[in-house]
Amino acid sequence: MTLAQPATQLALSDDQAEAYDRVADLLARSGVDLAEGMTMPDPGDGAPVLAVLGRAGSGKTMLLAALTRALTEAGVEIVSGDYEGRRRKERRTLAILAPTNKAASVLRHRGVPATTIHRILYTPVYDPEYERIAEWLAGSGDRPVIEGLTDQALDRARAFYDAVKSIPGALASAGLRGSDFIRGWKRREEPLDIGFVDESSMLDERQFEDLKEIFPTLILFGDPAQLAPVGLSGEMAFDRLPKDRQLHLSRIHRQAEGNPILDLAHALSDDALTFEGFERMIEDAARRDPRVIVAERVEAGLMARSPVLVWRNATRIRLITAFRAAYGAPADALLPGEPLICDGIELPLKHRKKRIDLEARGLIKGAQVIYLGPGRKPGFSRLHVIGAEEPQVSAAWIVKIELPDEEEPFIPFAARMGAAFLHGAAVTIHKAQGSQWENVQVFAPDLWAASRAGRMESGVPLWKRLAYVAITRAEQRLYWVTRNRLARPQTPLTIDDLRQGAAPLELDSGDEAGL
């Protein structure tokens, strides 16, 4: 029986409709009836994990959005990472998750209220005074009277929340800083109900086990053609599921038809296709469509906001060195506008709460960041976290600039401890998974080297997996760079393109006086 689809959604393809019905059947067994638009208590049987799999353009995100709308209309409450109201016995909940800030922001841009896995594992502890505002905004309390906040400030918070379902954003619009209303972070103790996980090809084993503990009903959305997480020998989390728990979307949805980038991605599934044959396909596509460009040089101006995608670390370091030289960056400092990649948090175990605070604000390993300038405290800097709901922070940090032919990175300046960063003008294709950029430059000489190496991953030539992941990171335009050259930038680095809002949140990740 095919379930009635919500009238507000776009028409689903046949394989999307079949997957919709399979997911709806699973949800019905857990007490959420999409056909009738009603919820019941979870019977507690422990529904199995289900995976919805498909290549780029097959409509996974569209299906996820349709299911999210149907669950919301049935009365299921969406839980975000920034605030969770008081738990009610009859409440049914849904969380839409992604492994990285950037992947979550891609979903939010498409109207899906996603958050990161980390923000669900760790929840904020609100000051009781300001929690009353959060309860009012979320619909579970009356309009409060808060000393020091005018009616106009509360009205601004209400208007912001009605437009963007973010409690911290609403409180910031009322003139509050994060340090005013968030006292700390704690590991989630109470389970939730239903979890949707996008970009699930990136899940490592520990994350998968954590999610299964939190969500009795877990739906994974993933692309089996991507690269598996490092350490899993080419295997992804959903590969271990029984075949009857894997739903495959094979049809390319009509919204993706005529997209030369996706056409190239799907051509890689041809077993007979060689690297040379693929490059000829790219050249043909570039002659027909301006969205594909064959370039002889890397454009330095694009690297400031979207990294060049490479296979080899040595290539990444050479390109970063050339980028900094092209902009005249000094060896002992960063220029405002330089891109960075968070390489983790360097804090001792006794500072676990500070680590949680940094990570909860978006400074998780792999996060993309733009340097804005020095902070107010020694060792602190102002940063813009790409894809974070509150992007501007000020944190203690350690910057490592890697140099060609040098084993150890050069550290131009650093706090004693805090968030660690590498330069982000170029990144490996593995680290680019889960992200998308309007313009993407793929360094073809590295993929040629991968093809000559003859390496395989799960029975597929490694160069094909690398090429698939790299070109599907492009939202609008793909640059296929054929030579090891860099075009000098036409304008200086700037931060004018980054949204300016409230004062950056000060994240005391290791204040010198306290350590």
Protein backbone atom coordinates (compact mmCIF):
# COMPACT_ATOMS: atom_id res chain seq x y z
CA MET A 1 0.00 0.00 0.00
CA THR A 2 1.36 3.41 -0.95
CA LEU A 3 0.92 5.99 1.79
CA ALA A 4 -0.58 9.39 1.02
CA GLN A 5 2.27 11.87 0.66
CA PRO A 6 1.91 15.36 2.18
CA ALA A 7 0.38 17.75 -0.32
CA THR A 8 3.07 20.37 0.39
CA GLN A 9 5.94 18.29 -0.96
CA LEU A 10 7.14 17.83 -4.51
CA ALA A 11 6.12 14.64 -6.30
CA LEU A 12 8.42 11.75 -5.44
CA SER A 13 9.87 9.38 -8.00
CA ASP A 14 8.86 5.71 -7.88
CA ASP A 15 11.91 4.57 -5.93
CA GLN A 16 11.62 7.57 -3.56
CA ALA A 17 7.95 6.72 -2.94
CA GLU A 18 8.89 3.10 -2.22
CA ALA A 19 11.58 4.22 0.23
CA TYR A 20 9.10 6.68 1.81
CA ASP A 21 6.68 3.79 2.41
CA ARG A 22 9.39 1.57 3.92
CA VAL A 23 10.48 4.32 6.31
CA ALA A 24 6.83 5.13 7.15
CA ASP A 25 6.22 1.47 7.97
CA LEU A 26 9.23 1.47 10.30
CA LEU A 27 8.00 4.66 11.98
CA ALA A 28 4.50 3.20 12.39
CA ARG A 29 5.99 0.26 14.31
CA SER A 30 7.63 2.81 16.63
CA GLY A 31 4.34 4.63 17.25
CA VAL A 32 4.32 7.42 14.62
CA ASP A 33 1.62 7.01 11.95
CA LEU A 34 2.36 9.27 8.98
CA ALA A 35 -0.74 8.14 7.05
CA GLU A 36 -3.08 9.23 9.86
CA GLY A 37 -0.88 12.09 11.05
CA MET A 38 -0.78 10.98 14.67
CA THR A 39 1.65 9.82 17.34
CA MET A 40 1.44 7.23 20.09
CA PRO A 41 3.85 6.17 22.84
CA ASP A 42 6.82 4.18 21.60
CA PRO A 43 6.06 0.48 22.23
CA GLY A 44 9.75 0.03 23.07
CA ASP A 45 10.37 -2.86 20.70
CA GLY A 46 13.55 -1.30 19.37
CA ALA A 47 13.05 -0.78 15.64
CA PRO A 48 16.05 -1.75 13.48
CA VAL A 49 18.39 0.70 11.79
CA LEU A 50 17.42 1.45 8.18
CA ALA A 51 19.64 2.95 5.45
CA VAL A 52 18.46 4.99 2.45
CA LEU A 53 21.30 4.94 -0.08
CA GLY A 54 21.85 6.64 -3.41
CA ARG A 55 24.36 8.52 -5.49
CA ALA A 56 24.44 12.29 -5.86
CA GLY A 57 21.23 13.62 -7.40
CA SER A 58 19.09 10.57 -6.54
CA GLY A 59 16.90 12.62 -4.19
CA LYS A 60 18.06 11.53 -0.72
CA THR A 61 17.81 15.07 0.69
CA MET A 62 14.42 15.63 -0.93
CA LEU A 63 13.14 12.39 0.65
CA LEU A 64 14.61 13.36 4.04
CA ALA A 65 12.85 16.74 3.82
CA ALA A 66 9.51 15.09 2.86
CA LEU A 67 9.72 12.71 5.82
CA THR A 68 10.65 15.57 8.16
CA ARG A 69 7.59 17.56 7.07
CA ALA A 70 5.32 14.55 7.52
CA LEU A 71 6.69 13.86 11.01
CA THR A 72 6.24 17.50 12.01
CA GLU A 73 2.64 17.48 10.74
CA ALA A 74 2.03 14.32 12.78
CA GLY A 75 3.06 16.20 15.94
CA VAL A 76 6.65 15.00 16.34
CA GLU A 77 8.85 17.66 17.95
CA ILE A 78 12.16 18.50 16.29
CA VAL A 79 15.06 18.63 18.74
CA SER A 80 17.92 20.95 17.80
CA GLY A 81 21.34 21.14 19.33
CA ASP A 82 20.88 24.58 20.87
CA TYR A 83 17.96 24.05 23.26
CA GLU A 84 15.78 21.19 24.44
CA GLY A 85 12.65 21.86 26.44
CA ARG A 86 11.44 19.91 29.42
CA ARG A 87 10.80 16.29 28.57
CA ARG A 88 7.14 15.28 28.54
CA LYS A 89 6.11 11.67 28.79
CA GLU A 90 3.89 11.80 25.70
CA ARG A 91 6.39 13.77 23.59
CA ARG A 92 7.82 12.18 20.43
CA THR A 93 11.03 13.67 19.07
CA LEU A 94 13.07 13.83 15.87
CA ALA A 95 16.66 15.02 15.38
CA ILE A 96 18.17 15.58 11.91
CA LEU A 97 21.92 15.14 12.14
CA ALA A 98 25.05 15.57 10.04
CA PRO A 99 28.67 14.72 10.91
CA THR A 100 30.02 18.25 10.30
CA ASN A 101 28.94 21.89 10.68
CA LYS A 102 29.19 22.40 6.94
CA ALA A 103 27.03 19.35 6.13
CA ALA A 104 24.42 20.51 8.66
CA SER A 105 24.43 24.02 7.16
CA VAL A 106 23.83 22.56 3.66
CA LEU A 107 20.67 20.91 5.00
CA ARG A 108 19.54 24.07 6.82
CA HIS A 109 20.03 26.03 3.59
CA ARG A 110 17.53 23.60 2.00
CA GLY A 111 14.97 24.14 4.74
CA VAL A 112 15.81 21.10 6.89
CA PRO A 113 16.52 22.03 10.57
CA ALA A 114 19.70 19.99 10.96
CA THR A 115 22.36 20.03 13.65
CA THR A 116 25.64 18.19 14.15
CA ILE A 117 25.98 14.81 15.83
CA HIS A 118 28.18 16.43 18.44
CA ARG A 119 25.53 19.00 19.36
CA ILE A 120 23.08 16.17 20.09
CA LEU A 121 25.60 14.19 22.15
CA TYR A 122 26.32 17.29 24.27
CA THR A 123 23.49 19.61 25.35
CA PRO A 124 23.70 23.19 26.71
CA VAL A 125 22.92 24.03 30.33
CA TYR A 126 20.97 27.33 30.39
CA ASP A 127 20.86 29.92 33.14
CA PRO A 128 17.39 29.44 34.74
CA GLU A 129 16.53 33.13 34.28
CA TYR A 130 17.11 33.08 30.53
CA GLU A 131 15.72 29.57 30.12
CA ARG A 132 12.31 31.16 30.69
CA ILE A 133 12.80 33.07 27.43
CA ALA A 134 13.73 29.84 25.65
CA GLU A 135 10.61 28.10 27.00
CA TRP A 136 8.43 30.99 25.83
CA LEU A 137 9.99 31.00 22.35
CA ALA A 138 9.61 27.22 22.06
CA GLY A 139 5.92 27.45 23.01
CA SER A 140 6.09 25.80 26.43
CA GLY A 141 5.90 28.90 28.65
CA ASP A 142 4.43 32.37 29.04
CA ARG A 143 6.10 35.57 27.94
CA PRO A 144 8.55 36.32 30.75
CA VAL A 145 9.57 39.55 32.45
CA ILE A 146 13.37 39.66 32.65
CA GLU A 147 15.24 42.34 34.53
CA GLY A 148 17.43 44.32 32.14
CA LEU A 149 15.54 43.24 28.99
CA THR A 150 12.97 45.57 27.46
CA ASP A 151 9.79 44.54 25.67
CA GLN A 152 11.45 45.63 22.44
CA ALA A 153 14.35 43.23 23.08
CA LEU A 154 11.91 40.35 23.67
CA ASP A 155 10.02 41.31 20.52
CA ARG A 156 13.28 41.13 18.56
CA ALA A 157 13.95 37.68 20.02
CA ARG A 158 10.46 36.52 19.04
CA ALA A 159 10.79 37.87 15.48
CA PHE A 160 14.18 36.22 15.06
CA TYR A 161 12.98 32.85 16.37
CA ASP A 162 9.87 32.92 14.17
CA ALA A 163 12.13 33.41 11.13
CA VAL A 164 15.05 31.16 12.20
CA LYS A 165 14.41 28.41 14.76
CA SER A 166 17.52 29.15 16.81
CA ILE A 167 17.27 29.90 20.53
CA PRO A 168 20.87 31.24 20.85
CA GLY A 169 20.34 33.40 17.76
CA ALA A 170 17.11 34.79 19.20
CA LEU A 171 18.75 35.55 22.55
CA ALA A 172 21.67 37.20 20.77
CA SER A 173 19.22 39.40 18.84
CA ALA A 174 17.90 40.54 22.22
CA GLY A 175 21.39 41.76 23.12
CA LEU A 176 22.62 38.77 25.13
CA ARG A 177 25.93 36.94 24.71
CA GLY A 178 26.37 33.18 24.92
CA SER A 179 28.23 33.53 28.20
CA ASP A 180 25.12 35.25 29.64
CA PHE A 181 22.67 32.41 29.06
CA ILE A 182 24.71 29.20 28.60
CA ARG A 183 26.50 28.04 31.74
CA GLY A 184 28.10 24.94 30.28
CA TRP A 185 27.57 21.67 28.41
CA LYS A 186 26.78 18.12 29.50
CA ARG A 187 26.74 14.70 27.90
CA ARG A 188 23.21 13.67 26.94
CA GLU A 189 21.74 11.24 29.45
CA GLU A 190 18.15 10.86 28.21
CA PRO A 191 17.53 9.05 24.90
CA LEU A 192 15.52 10.59 22.09
CA ASP A 193 13.14 8.88 19.64
CA ILE A 194 13.91 9.17 15.94
CA GLY A 195 17.20 10.12 14.31
CA PHE A 196 17.82 10.98 10.66
CA VAL A 197 21.55 11.02 9.79
CA ASP A 198 22.66 12.63 6.53
CA GLU A 199 26.11 11.99 5.01
CA SER A 200 26.21 8.72 6.95
CA SER A 201 29.09 7.45 4.80
CA MET A 202 31.25 9.60 7.11
CA LEU A 203 30.18 7.85 10.32
CA ASP A 204 32.92 6.06 12.21
CA GLU A 205 32.22 3.04 14.39
CA ARG A 206 32.13 4.95 17.68
CA GLN A 207 29.68 7.57 16.36
CA PHE A 208 27.42 4.82 15.00
CA GLU A 209 27.33 3.05 18.37
CA ASP A 210 26.63 6.35 20.19
CA LEU A 211 23.70 7.07 17.88
CA LYS A 212 22.21 3.62 18.33
CA GLU A 213 22.26 4.18 22.10
CA ILE A 214 20.40 7.51 21.80
CA PHE A 215 17.86 6.69 19.06
CA PRO A 216 15.66 3.58 19.18
CA THR A 217 14.71 4.41 15.57
CA LEU A 218 17.62 5.43 13.34
CA ILE A 219 17.49 6.19 9.60
CA LEU A 220 20.79 6.65 7.74
CA PHE A 221 20.98 8.60 4.47
CA GLY A 222 24.21 7.98 2.59
CA ASP A 223 26.09 7.71 -0.67
CA PRO A 224 27.82 4.34 -1.15
CA ALA A 225 30.07 5.77 -3.88
CA GLN A 226 31.92 8.07 -1.47
CA LEU A 227 35.10 7.35 0.47
CA ALA A 228 34.85 5.31 3.65
CA PRO A 229 36.14 6.81 6.93
CA VAL A 230 39.83 6.28 7.55
CA GLY A 231 40.40 3.08 9.54
CA LEU A 232 37.35 1.17 8.32
CA SER A 233 39.13 -0.55 5.39
CA GLY A 234 36.76 0.82 2.77
CA GLU A 235 33.66 -0.22 4.71
CA MET A 236 30.91 2.21 5.74
CA ALA A 237 28.57 1.96 8.73
CA PHE A 238 25.58 0.98 6.59
CA ASP A 239 27.55 -1.74 4.76
CA ARG A 240 27.20 -3.92 7.86
CA LEU A 241 23.39 -3.77 7.81
CA PRO A 242 21.45 -6.72 6.37
CA LYS A 243 20.47 -6.22 2.72
CA ASP A 244 16.78 -5.94 3.61
CA ARG A 245 17.60 -2.85 5.71
CA GLN A 246 19.30 -1.07 2.80
CA LEU A 247 17.03 0.91 0.46
CA HIS A 248 18.60 2.02 -2.82
CA LEU A 249 17.55 5.09 -4.81
CA SER A 250 18.66 4.54 -8.39
CA ARG A 251 16.74 7.15 -10.35
CA ILE A 252 18.29 10.60 -10.83
CA HIS A 253 15.60 13.03 -9.81
CA ARG A 254 14.34 15.48 -12.39
CA GLN A 255 15.73 18.46 -10.44
CA ALA A 256 19.20 17.00 -11.11
CA GLU A 257 18.68 16.24 -14.79
CA GLY A 258 20.81 18.26 -17.18
CA ASN A 259 23.46 18.92 -14.53
CA PRO A 260 26.84 18.26 -16.20
CA ILE A 261 28.61 17.84 -12.85
CA LEU A 262 26.27 15.04 -11.78
CA ASP A 263 26.47 13.51 -15.26
CA LEU A 264 30.24 13.28 -14.84
CA ALA A 265 29.86 11.81 -11.34
CA HIS A 266 27.58 9.05 -12.55
CA ALA A 267 29.80 8.28 -15.54
CA LEU A 268 32.41 7.08 -13.04
CA SER A 269 30.28 3.98 -12.34
CA ASP A 270 31.29 2.61 -15.76
CA ASP A 271 33.82 -0.16 -15.05
CA ALA A 272 35.47 0.34 -18.45
CA LEU A 273 36.10 4.07 -17.99
CA THR A 274 39.78 5.03 -17.77
CA PHE A 275 41.23 8.22 -16.30
CA GLU A 276 42.13 9.45 -19.78
CA GLY A 277 38.60 8.72 -21.00
CA PHE A 278 37.16 10.60 -18.03
CA GLU A 279 39.29 13.66 -18.76
CA ARG A 280 38.00 13.66 -22.34
CA MET A 281 34.45 13.61 -20.96
CA ILE A 282 35.29 16.64 -18.79
CA GLU A 283 36.72 18.49 -21.79
CA ASP A 284 33.56 17.73 -23.80
CA ALA A 285 31.36 18.92 -20.92
CA ALA A 286 33.39 22.14 -20.62
CA ARG A 287 32.82 22.91 -24.31
CA ARG A 288 29.04 22.47 -23.88
CA ASP A 289 28.37 23.97 -20.47
CA PRO A 290 29.93 26.91 -18.53
CA ARG A 291 29.41 25.05 -15.25
CA VAL A 292 32.42 22.85 -16.08
CA ILE A 293 35.77 24.57 -16.62
CA VAL A 294 39.09 23.02 -17.61
CA ALA A 295 41.73 25.28 -16.05
CA GLU A 296 45.51 25.24 -16.43
CA ARG A 297 46.06 27.02 -13.12
CA VAL A 298 44.65 27.02 -9.60
CA GLU A 299 42.82 30.30 -8.84
CA ALA A 300 44.21 31.73 -5.58
CA GLY A 301 41.15 33.97 -5.18
CA LEU A 302 38.83 30.94 -4.94
CA MET A 303 41.05 29.19 -2.38
CA ALA A 304 40.22 31.77 0.30
CA ARG A 305 36.66 30.42 0.66
CA SER A 306 36.69 27.00 -1.01
CA PRO A 307 39.82 24.87 -0.73
CA VAL A 308 41.51 23.14 -3.63
CA LEU A 309 40.75 19.41 -3.34
CA VAL A 310 43.78 17.12 -3.55
CA TRP A 311 44.70 13.51 -2.83
CA ARG A 312 48.25 13.82 -1.50
CA ASN A 313 49.35 15.71 1.60
CA ALA A 314 52.50 16.91 -0.16
CA THR A 315 50.35 18.58 -2.83
CA ARG A 316 48.18 20.19 -0.15
CA ILE A 317 51.19 21.72 1.62
CA ARG A 318 52.73 23.04 -1.63
CA LEU A 319 49.47 24.72 -2.63
CA ILE A 320 49.02 26.31 0.81
CA THR A 321 52.59 27.66 0.67
CA ALA A 322 51.97 29.12 -2.79
CA PHE A 323 48.64 30.63 -1.66
CA ARG A 324 50.23 32.44 1.29
CA ALA A 325 53.11 33.67 -0.87
CA ALA A 326 50.69 34.97 -3.52
CA TYR A 327 48.91 37.09 -0.89
CA GLY A 328 52.15 38.25 0.73
CA ALA A 329 51.27 36.65 4.08
CA PRO A 330 54.05 37.08 6.69
CA ALA A 331 55.66 33.95 8.14
CA ASP A 332 54.84 34.92 11.72
CA ALA A 333 51.17 35.93 11.42
CA LEU A 334 47.93 35.34 9.54
CA LEU A 335 46.12 37.83 7.36
CA PRO A 336 42.40 38.46 8.08
CA GLY A 337 40.48 36.31 5.63
CA GLU A 338 42.86 33.33 5.59
CA PRO A 339 41.01 29.98 5.75
CA LEU A 340 41.75 27.38 8.44
CA ILE A 341 40.75 23.82 9.31
CA CYS A 342 40.28 22.82 12.96
CA ASP A 343 42.66 19.96 13.78
CA GLY A 344 41.20 19.18 17.21
CA ILE A 345 41.35 20.51 20.77
CA GLU A 346 44.62 20.45 22.67
CA LEU A 347 43.51 20.48 26.31
CA PRO A 348 44.28 18.10 29.21
CA LEU A 349 41.53 15.79 30.49
CA LYS A 350 40.98 17.93 33.60
CA HIS A 351 39.61 20.66 31.29
CA ARG A 352 36.92 18.44 29.79
CA LYS A 353 34.22 21.09 30.26
CA LYS A 354 36.23 23.64 28.30
CA ARG A 355 36.76 21.09 25.52
CA ILE A 356 33.02 20.44 25.36
CA ASP A 357 32.36 24.20 25.22
CA LEU A 358 34.70 24.67 22.25
CA GLU A 359 33.34 21.68 20.37
CA ALA A 360 29.73 22.60 21.02
CA ARG A 361 30.37 26.03 19.46
CA GLY A 362 31.44 24.35 16.24
CA LEU A 363 35.20 23.99 16.74
CA ILE A 364 35.20 20.26 16.12
CA LYS A 365 37.89 18.43 14.18
CA GLY A 366 37.51 19.25 10.49
CA ALA A 367 35.54 22.49 11.01
CA GLN A 368 36.25 25.19 8.42
CA VAL A 369 37.12 28.57 9.87
CA ILE A 370 38.08 32.03 8.58
CA TYR A 371 40.55 34.12 10.60
CA LEU A 372 39.05 37.54 11.42
CA GLY A 373 41.78 39.07 13.58
CA PRO A 374 43.28 39.07 17.09
CA GLY A 375 41.03 38.67 20.12
CA ARG A 376 40.88 40.83 23.23
CA LYS A 377 42.97 38.42 25.34
CA PRO A 378 46.57 37.32 24.65
CA GLY A 379 46.58 34.09 22.66
CA PHE A 380 42.95 34.55 21.53
CA SER A 381 41.73 35.24 18.00
CA ARG A 382 38.42 36.11 16.41
CA LEU A 383 37.16 33.39 14.10
CA HIS A 384 34.24 32.77 11.75
CA VAL A 385 33.15 29.12 11.88
CA ILE A 386 31.72 28.19 8.48
CA GLY A 387 28.29 26.59 8.75
CA ALA A 388 27.85 27.17 12.50
CA GLU A 389 24.56 28.70 13.61
CA GLU A 390 26.53 31.27 15.65
CA PRO A 391 29.60 31.59 13.43
CA GLN A 392 31.65 34.29 15.16
CA VAL A 393 33.68 33.23 18.19
CA SER A 394 36.84 34.30 19.98
CA ALA A 395 38.97 31.41 21.20
CA ALA A 396 42.42 30.51 22.44
CA TRP A 397 44.15 28.78 19.57
CA ILE A 398 47.25 27.09 18.21
CA VAL A 399 48.07 27.55 14.52
CA LYS A 400 50.31 25.13 12.65
CA ILE A 401 51.64 26.16 9.26
CA GLU A 402 53.04 23.14 7.41
CA LEU A 403 55.98 23.74 5.05
CA PRO A 404 57.30 21.69 2.13
CA ASP A 405 60.11 19.25 3.01
CA GLU A 406 59.77 20.01 6.74
CA GLU A 407 58.70 17.25 9.12
CA GLU A 408 57.43 19.57 11.84
CA PRO A 409 54.97 22.45 11.20
CA PHE A 410 55.94 26.04 11.91
CA ILE A 411 53.86 27.59 14.73
CA PRO A 412 53.81 31.37 14.19
CA PHE A 413 51.90 32.10 17.41
CA ALA A 414 49.80 30.19 19.92
CA ALA A 415 48.15 30.08 23.29
CA ARG A 416 49.50 27.50 25.72
CA MET A 417 46.52 25.30 24.85
CA GLY A 418 43.22 25.54 23.01
CA ALA A 419 41.80 24.82 19.56
CA ALA A 420 44.43 23.72 17.03
CA PHE A 421 44.27 24.71 13.36
CA LEU A 422 45.91 23.86 10.06
CA HIS A 423 45.72 26.08 7.01
CA GLY A 424 42.63 25.49 4.87
CA ALA A 425 43.45 26.82 1.40
CA ALA A 426 43.78 23.21 0.24
CA VAL A 427 42.38 20.04 1.82
CA THR A 428 42.42 16.35 1.03
CA ILE A 429 39.36 14.92 -0.68
CA HIS A 430 38.79 12.66 2.33
CA LYS A 431 38.37 15.71 4.59
CA ALA A 432 36.11 17.45 2.07
CA GLN A 433 33.36 14.84 2.42
CA GLY A 434 30.16 16.29 3.80
CA SER A 435 30.98 19.78 2.52
CA GLN A 436 29.86 21.64 -0.55
CA TRP A 437 30.98 24.91 -2.07
CA GLU A 438 29.58 27.04 -4.86
CA ASN A 439 32.88 26.73 -6.78
CA VAL A 440 35.21 23.75 -6.43
CA GLN A 441 38.72 23.32 -7.83
CA VAL A 442 39.88 19.71 -8.24
CA PHE A 443 43.61 19.17 -8.65
CA ALA A 444 43.64 16.64 -11.51
CA PRO A 445 47.40 15.75 -11.41
CA ASP A 446 46.79 14.12 -8.01
CA LEU A 447 43.94 12.00 -9.37
CA TRP A 448 46.12 11.00 -12.32
CA ALA A 449 48.76 9.85 -9.79
CA ALA A 450 46.09 7.85 -7.94
CA SER A 451 45.07 6.17 -11.19
CA ARG A 452 48.70 5.23 -11.93
CA ALA A 453 49.06 3.76 -8.41
CA GLY A 454 46.35 1.22 -9.24
CA ARG A 455 44.89 1.18 -5.72
CA MET A 456 41.40 -0.21 -5.09
CA GLU A 457 38.82 0.48 -2.35
CA SER A 458 35.99 -2.03 -1.90
CA GLY A 459 36.51 -3.29 -5.43
CA VAL A 460 36.47 0.20 -7.03
CA PRO A 461 39.58 2.00 -8.33
CA LEU A 462 40.55 4.59 -5.73
CA TRP A 463 40.87 7.38 -8.31
CA LYS A 464 37.20 6.94 -9.24
CA ARG A 465 36.05 7.28 -5.62
CA LEU A 466 38.31 10.32 -5.21
CA ALA A 467 37.00 11.91 -8.40
CA TYR A 468 33.38 11.20 -7.47
CA VAL A 469 33.68 12.79 -4.04
CA ALA A 470 35.68 15.75 -5.34
CA ILE A 471 33.41 16.79 -8.21
CA THR A 472 30.18 16.30 -6.22
CA ARG A 473 31.39 18.91 -3.71
CA ALA A 474 30.62 21.55 -6.38
CA GLU A 475 27.19 23.20 -6.10
CA GLN A 476 27.42 25.47 -9.16
CA ARG A 477 30.76 25.31 -10.91
CA LEU A 478 33.53 22.71 -11.26
CA TYR A 479 37.13 23.69 -12.11
CA TRP A 480 39.24 20.75 -13.33
CA VAL A 481 42.81 22.00 -12.83
CA THR A 482 45.24 20.23 -15.15
CA ARG A 483 48.62 21.78 -14.31
CA ASN A 484 50.68 22.46 -11.19
CA ARG A 485 50.45 26.25 -11.40
CA LEU A 486 48.79 29.01 -9.38
CA ALA A 487 47.23 32.18 -10.79
CA ARG A 488 47.91 35.23 -8.65
CA PRO A 489 44.89 36.85 -6.95
CA GLN A 490 43.34 39.95 -8.49
CA THR A 491 42.24 41.48 -5.15
CA PRO A 492 43.56 41.39 -1.57
CA LEU A 493 42.13 39.07 1.09
CA THR A 494 39.01 40.42 2.79
CA ILE A 495 36.45 39.50 5.43
CA ASP A 496 33.74 41.81 4.08
CA ASP A 497 31.78 38.84 2.71
CA LEU A 498 31.30 37.30 6.18
CA ARG A 499 28.13 38.14 8.03
CA GLN A 500 28.71 40.61 10.83
CA GLY A 501 26.39 40.32 13.82
CA ALA A 502 26.69 40.28 17.58
CA ALA A 503 30.05 40.47 19.32
CA PRO A 504 32.01 37.20 19.02
CA LEU A 505 31.48 34.69 21.82
CA GLU A 506 34.53 34.48 24.08
CA LEU A 507 35.48 30.81 24.52
CA ASP A 508 37.93 30.51 27.38
CA SER A 509 39.62 27.32 26.21
CA GLY A 510 42.60 27.66 28.47
CA ASP A 511 43.00 31.12 29.97
CA GLU A 512 46.65 31.64 30.88
CA ALA A 513 45.76 32.81 34.38
CA GLY A 514 43.67 29.72 35.11
CA LEU A 515 46.18 27.11 34.01
